[in-house]
Amino acid sequence: RKSFALTVFMGVPLSIGLGIIAPNVIFI
């Protein structure tokens, strides 16, 4: 339960955030 909670807590914003700023990340 702890592992699932931490994975979701980190994985959701990382997935959404990386998708939004992907062109910037590739350029940098």
PDB file of all heavy atoms in Angstrom:
ATOM      1  N   ARG A   1       0.834  -1.211   0.000  1.00  0.00           N
ATOM      2  CA  ARG A   1       0.000   0.000   0.000  1.00  0.00           C
ATOM      3  C   ARG A   1       0.865   1.256   0.000  1.00  0.00           C
ATOM      4  O   ARG A   1       0.573   2.228  -0.710  1.00  0.00           O
ATOM      5  CB  ARG A   1      -0.949  -0.015   1.194  1.00  0.00           C
ATOM      6  CG  ARG A   1      -2.124  -0.988   1.041  1.00  0.00           C
ATOM      7  CD  ARG A   1      -3.155  -0.793   2.131  1.00  0.00           C
ATOM      8  NE  ARG A   1      -2.649  -1.241   3.427  1.00  0.00           N
ATOM      9  CZ  ARG A   1      -2.800  -2.477   3.893  1.00  0.00           C
ATOM     10  NH1 ARG A   1      -3.431  -3.390   3.166  1.00  0.00           N
ATOM     11  NH2 ARG A   1      -2.347  -2.803   5.080  1.00  0.00           N
ATOM     12  N   LYS A   2       1.921   1.235   0.791  1.00  0.00           N
ATOM     13  CA  LYS A   2       2.826   2.389   0.830  1.00  0.00           C
ATOM     14  C   LYS A   2       3.533   2.576  -0.511  1.00  0.00           C
ATOM     15  O   LYS A   2       3.688   3.702  -0.995  1.00  0.00           O
ATOM     16  CB  LYS A   2       3.863   2.199   1.940  1.00  0.00           C
ATOM     17  CG  LYS A   2       3.299   2.305   3.347  1.00  0.00           C
ATOM     18  CD  LYS A   2       4.385   2.084   4.395  1.00  0.00           C
ATOM     19  CE  LYS A   2       3.812   2.168   5.802  1.00  0.00           C
ATOM     20  NZ  LYS A   2       4.858   1.905   6.832  1.00  0.00           N
ATOM     21  N   SER A   3       3.963   1.462  -1.104  1.00  0.00           N
ATOM     22  CA  SER A   3       4.651   1.533  -2.387  1.00  0.00           C
ATOM     23  C   SER A   3       3.734   2.084  -3.472  1.00  0.00           C
ATOM     24  O   SER A   3       4.140   2.925  -4.288  1.00  0.00           O
ATOM     25  CB  SER A   3       5.154   0.138  -2.778  1.00  0.00           C
ATOM     26  OG  SER A   3       5.822   0.180  -4.017  1.00  0.00           O
ATOM     27  N   PHE A   4       2.487   1.614  -3.495  1.00  0.00           N
ATOM     28  CA  PHE A   4       1.522   2.091  -4.489  1.00  0.00           C
ATOM     29  C   PHE A   4       1.264   3.591  -4.309  1.00  0.00           C
ATOM     30  O   PHE A   4       1.253   4.349  -5.288  1.00  0.00           O
ATOM     31  CB  PHE A   4       0.208   1.318  -4.360  1.00  0.00           C
ATOM     32  CG  PHE A   4      -0.835   1.721  -5.368  1.00  0.00           C
ATOM     33  CD1 PHE A   4      -0.855   1.156  -6.629  1.00  0.00           C
ATOM     34  CD2 PHE A   4      -1.794   2.684  -5.051  1.00  0.00           C
ATOM     35  CE1 PHE A   4      -1.810   1.539  -7.568  1.00  0.00           C
ATOM     36  CE2 PHE A   4      -2.747   3.073  -5.981  1.00  0.00           C
ATOM     37  CZ  PHE A   4      -2.763   2.497  -7.236  1.00  0.00           C
ATOM     38  N   ALA A   5       1.056   4.017  -3.064  1.00  0.00           N
ATOM     39  CA  ALA A   5       0.769   5.425  -2.798  1.00  0.00           C
ATOM     40  C   ALA A   5       1.919   6.322  -3.246  1.00  0.00           C
ATOM     41  O   ALA A   5       1.700   7.369  -3.863  1.00  0.00           O
ATOM     42  CB  ALA A   5       0.496   5.627  -1.303  1.00  0.00           C
ATOM     43  N   LEU A   6       3.153   5.902  -2.974  1.00  0.00           N
ATOM     44  CA  LEU A   6       4.310   6.717  -3.342  1.00  0.00           C
ATOM     45  C   LEU A   6       4.527   6.725  -4.851  1.00  0.00           C
ATOM     46  O   LEU A   6       4.882   7.761  -5.434  1.00  0.00           O
ATOM     47  CB  LEU A   6       5.555   6.192  -2.620  1.00  0.00           C
ATOM     48  CG  LEU A   6       6.813   7.068  -2.697  1.00  0.00           C
ATOM     49  CD1 LEU A   6       6.515   8.494  -2.240  1.00  0.00           C
ATOM     50  CD2 LEU A   6       7.927   6.465  -1.857  1.00  0.00           C
ATOM     51  N   THR A   7       4.305   5.580  -5.502  1.00  0.00           N
ATOM     52  CA  THR A   7       4.451   5.499  -6.961  1.00  0.00           C
ATOM     53  C   THR A   7       3.457   6.413  -7.664  1.00  0.00           C
ATOM     54  O   THR A   7       3.810   7.130  -8.609  1.00  0.00           O
ATOM     55  CB  THR A   7       4.263   4.047  -7.438  1.00  0.00           C
ATOM     56  OG1 THR A   7       5.294   3.233  -6.871  1.00  0.00           O
ATOM     57  CG2 THR A   7       4.334   3.966  -8.953  1.00  0.00           C
ATOM     58  N   VAL A   8       2.207   6.395  -7.218  1.00  0.00           N
ATOM     59  CA  VAL A   8       1.182   7.256  -7.801  1.00  0.00           C
ATOM     60  C   VAL A   8       1.478   8.725  -7.507  1.00  0.00           C
ATOM     61  O   VAL A   8       1.367   9.587  -8.386  1.00  0.00           O
ATOM     62  CB  VAL A   8      -0.212   6.871  -7.255  1.00  0.00           C
ATOM     63  CG1 VAL A   8      -1.240   7.940  -7.598  1.00  0.00           C
ATOM     64  CG2 VAL A   8      -0.634   5.531  -7.830  1.00  0.00           C
ATOM     65  N   PHE A   9       1.873   9.003  -6.281  1.00  0.00           N
ATOM     66  CA  PHE A   9       2.169  10.379  -5.865  1.00  0.00           C
ATOM     67  C   PHE A   9       3.254  11.000  -6.737  1.00  0.00           C
ATOM     68  O   PHE A   9       3.182  12.189  -7.092  1.00  0.00           O
ATOM     69  CB  PHE A   9       2.597  10.384  -4.399  1.00  0.00           C
ATOM     70  CG  PHE A   9       2.863  11.750  -3.834  1.00  0.00           C
ATOM     71  CD1 PHE A   9       1.820  12.554  -3.395  1.00  0.00           C
ATOM     72  CD2 PHE A   9       4.156  12.236  -3.739  1.00  0.00           C
ATOM     73  CE1 PHE A   9       2.063  13.821  -2.874  1.00  0.00           C
ATOM     74  CE2 PHE A   9       4.412  13.494  -3.224  1.00  0.00           C
ATOM     75  CZ  PHE A   9       3.362  14.294  -2.786  1.00  0.00           C
ATOM     76  N   MET A  10       4.260  10.206  -7.106  1.00  0.00           N
ATOM     77  CA  MET A  10       5.352  10.711  -7.929  1.00  0.00           C
ATOM     78  C   MET A  10       5.078  10.543  -9.420  1.00  0.00           C
ATOM     79  O   MET A  10       5.390  11.412 -10.235  1.00  0.00           O
ATOM     80  CB  MET A  10       6.653   9.993  -7.563  1.00  0.00           C
ATOM     81  CG  MET A  10       7.141  10.231  -6.158  1.00  0.00           C
ATOM     82  SD  MET A  10       8.549   9.162  -5.737  1.00  0.00           S
ATOM     83  CE  MET A  10       9.753   9.662  -6.959  1.00  0.00           C
ATOM     84  N   GLY A  11       4.496   9.387  -9.806  1.00  0.00           N
ATOM     85  CA  GLY A  11       4.362   9.055 -11.216  1.00  0.00           C
ATOM     86  C   GLY A  11       3.379   9.907 -11.975  1.00  0.00           C
ATOM     87  O   GLY A  11       3.620  10.265 -13.142  1.00  0.00           O
ATOM     88  N   VAL A  12       2.261  10.275 -11.353  1.00  0.00           N
ATOM     89  CA  VAL A  12       1.246  11.071 -12.055  1.00  0.00           C
ATOM     90  C   VAL A  12       1.774  12.455 -12.452  1.00  0.00           C
ATOM     91  O   VAL A  12       1.712  12.829 -13.631  1.00  0.00           O
ATOM     92  CB  VAL A  12      -0.038  11.187 -11.204  1.00  0.00           C
ATOM     93  CG1 VAL A  12      -0.978  12.232 -11.806  1.00  0.00           C
ATOM     94  CG2 VAL A  12      -0.729   9.832 -11.131  1.00  0.00           C
ATOM     95  N   PRO A  13       2.304  13.259 -11.513  1.00  0.00           N
ATOM     96  CA  PRO A  13       2.794  14.583 -11.925  1.00  0.00           C
ATOM     97  C   PRO A  13       3.993  14.519 -12.868  1.00  0.00           C
ATOM     98  O   PRO A  13       4.138  15.372 -13.748  1.00  0.00           O
ATOM     99  CB  PRO A  13       3.176  15.257 -10.599  1.00  0.00           C
ATOM    100  CG  PRO A  13       3.424  14.129  -9.658  1.00  0.00           C
ATOM    101  CD  PRO A  13       2.443  13.057 -10.060  1.00  0.00           C
ATOM    102  N   LEU A  14       4.855  13.507 -12.699  1.00  0.00           N
ATOM    103  CA  LEU A  14       5.999  13.378 -13.599  1.00  0.00           C
ATOM    104  C   LEU A  14       5.538  13.075 -15.021  1.00  0.00           C
ATOM    105  O   LEU A  14       6.075  13.640 -15.986  1.00  0.00           O
ATOM    106  CB  LEU A  14       6.932  12.279 -13.098  1.00  0.00           C
ATOM    107  CG  LEU A  14       7.761  12.598 -11.850  1.00  0.00           C
ATOM    108  CD1 LEU A  14       8.506  11.365 -11.358  1.00  0.00           C
ATOM    109  CD2 LEU A  14       8.745  13.730 -12.122  1.00  0.00           C
ATOM    110  N   SER A  15       4.555  12.196 -15.178  1.00  0.00           N
ATOM    111  CA  SER A  15       4.048  11.854 -16.509  1.00  0.00           C
ATOM    112  C   SER A  15       3.386  13.054 -17.171  1.00  0.00           C
ATOM    113  O   SER A  15       3.656  13.369 -18.344  1.00  0.00           O
ATOM    114  CB  SER A  15       3.041  10.699 -16.407  1.00  0.00           C
ATOM    115  OG  SER A  15       3.665   9.520 -15.980  1.00  0.00           O
ATOM    116  N   ILE A  16       2.515  13.724 -16.436  1.00  0.00           N
ATOM    117  CA  ILE A  16       1.803  14.878 -16.998  1.00  0.00           C
ATOM    118  C   ILE A  16       2.773  16.026 -17.288  1.00  0.00           C
ATOM    119  O   ILE A  16       2.741  16.634 -18.363  1.00  0.00           O
ATOM    120  CB  ILE A  16       0.688  15.340 -16.041  1.00  0.00           C
ATOM    121  CG1 ILE A  16      -0.399  14.261 -15.953  1.00  0.00           C
ATOM    122  CG2 ILE A  16       0.090  16.669 -16.505  1.00  0.00           C
ATOM    123  CD1 ILE A  16      -1.494  14.566 -14.950  1.00  0.00           C
ATOM    124  N   GLY A  17       3.646  16.307 -16.335  1.00  0.00           N
ATOM    125  CA  GLY A  17       4.585  17.412 -16.508  1.00  0.00           C
ATOM    126  C   GLY A  17       5.541  17.205 -17.663  1.00  0.00           C
ATOM    127  O   GLY A  17       5.793  18.124 -18.456  1.00  0.00           O
ATOM    128  N   LEU A  18       6.071  15.983 -17.789  1.00  0.00           N
ATOM    129  CA  LEU A  18       7.015  15.705 -18.880  1.00  0.00           C
ATOM    130  C   LEU A  18       6.327  15.801 -20.231  1.00  0.00           C
ATOM    131  O   LEU A  18       6.909  16.291 -21.208  1.00  0.00           O
ATOM    132  CB  LEU A  18       7.632  14.316 -18.695  1.00  0.00           C
ATOM    133  CG  LEU A  18       8.713  13.922 -19.692  1.00  0.00           C
ATOM    134  CD1 LEU A  18       9.886  14.895 -19.645  1.00  0.00           C
ATOM    135  CD2 LEU A  18       9.200  12.498 -19.422  1.00  0.00           C
ATOM    136  N   GLY A  19       5.073  15.344 -20.305  1.00  0.00           N
ATOM    137  CA  GLY A  19       4.335  15.448 -21.562  1.00  0.00           C
ATOM    138  C   GLY A  19       4.115  16.886 -21.987  1.00  0.00           C
ATOM    139  O   GLY A  19       4.172  17.215 -23.180  1.00  0.00           O
ATOM    140  N   ILE A  20       3.884  17.762 -21.013  1.00  0.00           N
ATOM    141  CA  ILE A  20       3.614  19.174 -21.312  1.00  0.00           C
ATOM    142  C   ILE A  20       4.864  19.892 -21.832  1.00  0.00           C
ATOM    143  O   ILE A  20       4.798  20.645 -22.795  1.00  0.00           O
ATOM    144  CB  ILE A  20       3.069  19.885 -20.061  1.00  0.00           C
ATOM    145  CG1 ILE A  20       1.670  19.345 -19.706  1.00  0.00           C
ATOM    146  CG2 ILE A  20       3.001  21.401 -20.280  1.00  0.00           C
ATOM    147  CD1 ILE A  20       1.140  19.865 -18.383  1.00  0.00           C
ATOM    148  N   ILE A  21       5.997  19.652 -21.192  1.00  0.00           N
ATOM    149  CA  ILE A  21       7.198  20.432 -21.529  1.00  0.00           C
ATOM    150  C   ILE A  21       8.223  19.603 -22.300  1.00  0.00           C
ATOM    151  O   ILE A  21       9.418  19.938 -22.305  1.00  0.00           O
ATOM    152  CB  ILE A  21       7.847  21.030 -20.268  1.00  0.00           C
ATOM    153  CG1 ILE A  21       8.277  19.901 -19.301  1.00  0.00           C
ATOM    154  CG2 ILE A  21       6.910  21.981 -19.572  1.00  0.00           C
ATOM    155  CD1 ILE A  21       9.168  20.409 -18.186  1.00  0.00           C
ATOM    156  N   ALA A  22       7.782  18.566 -22.983  1.00  0.00           N
ATOM    157  CA  ALA A  22       8.705  17.701 -23.727  1.00  0.00           C
ATOM    158  C   ALA A  22       9.594  18.457 -24.717  1.00  0.00           C
ATOM    159  O   ALA A  22      10.808  18.209 -24.767  1.00  0.00           O
ATOM    160  CB  ALA A  22       7.921  16.601 -24.448  1.00  0.00           C
ATOM    161  N   PRO A  23       9.057  19.404 -25.527  1.00  0.00           N
ATOM    162  CA  PRO A  23       9.945  20.125 -26.458  1.00  0.00           C
ATOM    163  C   PRO A  23      11.056  20.884 -25.742  1.00  0.00           C
ATOM    164  O   PRO A  23      12.204  20.901 -26.211  1.00  0.00           O
ATOM    165  CB  PRO A  23       8.986  21.085 -27.173  1.00  0.00           C
ATOM    166  CG  PRO A  23       7.644  20.424 -27.070  1.00  0.00           C
ATOM    167  CD  PRO A  23       7.638  19.776 -25.732  1.00  0.00           C
ATOM    168  N   ASN A  24      10.730  21.508 -24.604  1.00  0.00           N
ATOM    169  CA  ASN A  24      11.746  22.231 -23.835  1.00  0.00           C
ATOM    170  C   ASN A  24      12.814  21.285 -23.308  1.00  0.00           C
ATOM    171  O   ASN A  24      14.018  21.588 -23.349  1.00  0.00           O
ATOM    172  CB  ASN A  24      11.095  22.958 -22.654  1.00  0.00           C
ATOM    173  CG  ASN A  24      10.210  24.104 -23.083  1.00  0.00           C
ATOM    174  OD1 ASN A  24       9.735  24.131 -24.215  1.00  0.00           O
ATOM    175  ND2 ASN A  24       9.957  25.051 -22.205  1.00  0.00           N
ATOM    176  N   VAL A  25      12.362  20.136 -22.792  1.00  0.00           N
ATOM    177  CA  VAL A  25      13.293  19.175 -22.216  1.00  0.00           C
ATOM    178  C   VAL A  25      14.258  18.653 -23.283  1.00  0.00           C
ATOM    179  O   VAL A  25      15.470  18.559 -23.039  1.00  0.00           O
ATOM    180  CB  VAL A  25      12.523  18.006 -21.568  1.00  0.00           C
ATOM    181  CG1 VAL A  25      13.478  16.888 -21.162  1.00  0.00           C
ATOM    182  CG2 VAL A  25      11.735  18.487 -20.361  1.00  0.00           C
ATOM    183  N   ILE A  26      13.746  18.343 -24.454  1.00  0.00           N
ATOM    184  CA  ILE A  26      14.608  17.857 -25.535  1.00  0.00           C
ATOM    185  C   ILE A  26      15.624  18.921 -25.937  1.00  0.00           C
ATOM    186  O   ILE A  26      16.814  18.621 -26.136  1.00  0.00           O
ATOM    187  CB  ILE A  26      13.768  17.428 -26.763  1.00  0.00           C
ATOM    188  CG1 ILE A  26      12.985  16.148 -26.456  1.00  0.00           C
ATOM    189  CG2 ILE A  26      14.652  17.235 -27.987  1.00  0.00           C
ATOM    190  CD1 ILE A  26      13.850  14.930 -26.215  1.00  0.00           C
ATOM    191  N   PHE A  27      15.180  20.173 -26.043  1.00  0.00           N
ATOM    192  CA  PHE A  27      16.084  21.256 -26.445  1.00  0.00           C
ATOM    193  C   PHE A  27      17.204  21.426 -25.422  1.00  0.00           C
ATOM    194  O   PHE A  27      18.380  21.565 -25.786  1.00  0.00           O
ATOM    195  CB  PHE A  27      15.310  22.560 -26.589  1.00  0.00           C
ATOM    196  CG  PHE A  27      16.152  23.715 -27.045  1.00  0.00           C
ATOM    197  CD1 PHE A  27      16.376  23.941 -28.392  1.00  0.00           C
ATOM    198  CD2 PHE A  27      16.745  24.568 -26.120  1.00  0.00           C
ATOM    199  CE1 PHE A  27      17.176  24.995 -28.817  1.00  0.00           C
ATOM    200  CE2 PHE A  27      17.548  25.630 -26.524  1.00  0.00           C
ATOM    201  CZ  PHE A  27      17.759  25.849 -27.885  1.00  0.00           C
ATOM    202  N   ILE A  28      16.856  21.410 -24.139  1.00  0.00           N
ATOM    203  CA  ILE A  28      17.857  21.604 -23.078  1.00  0.00           C
ATOM    204  C   ILE A  28      18.740  20.369 -22.939  1.00  0.00           C
ATOM    205  O   ILE A  28      19.960  20.477 -22.798  1.00  0.00           O
ATOM    206  CB  ILE A  28      17.163  21.917 -21.740  1.00  0.00           C
ATOM    207  CG1 ILE A  28      16.443  23.259 -21.818  1.00  0.00           C
ATOM    208  CG2 ILE A  28      18.168  21.926 -20.587  1.00  0.00           C
ATOM    209  CD1 ILE A  28      15.549  23.554 -20.624  1.00  0.00           C
TER     210      ILE A  28
END
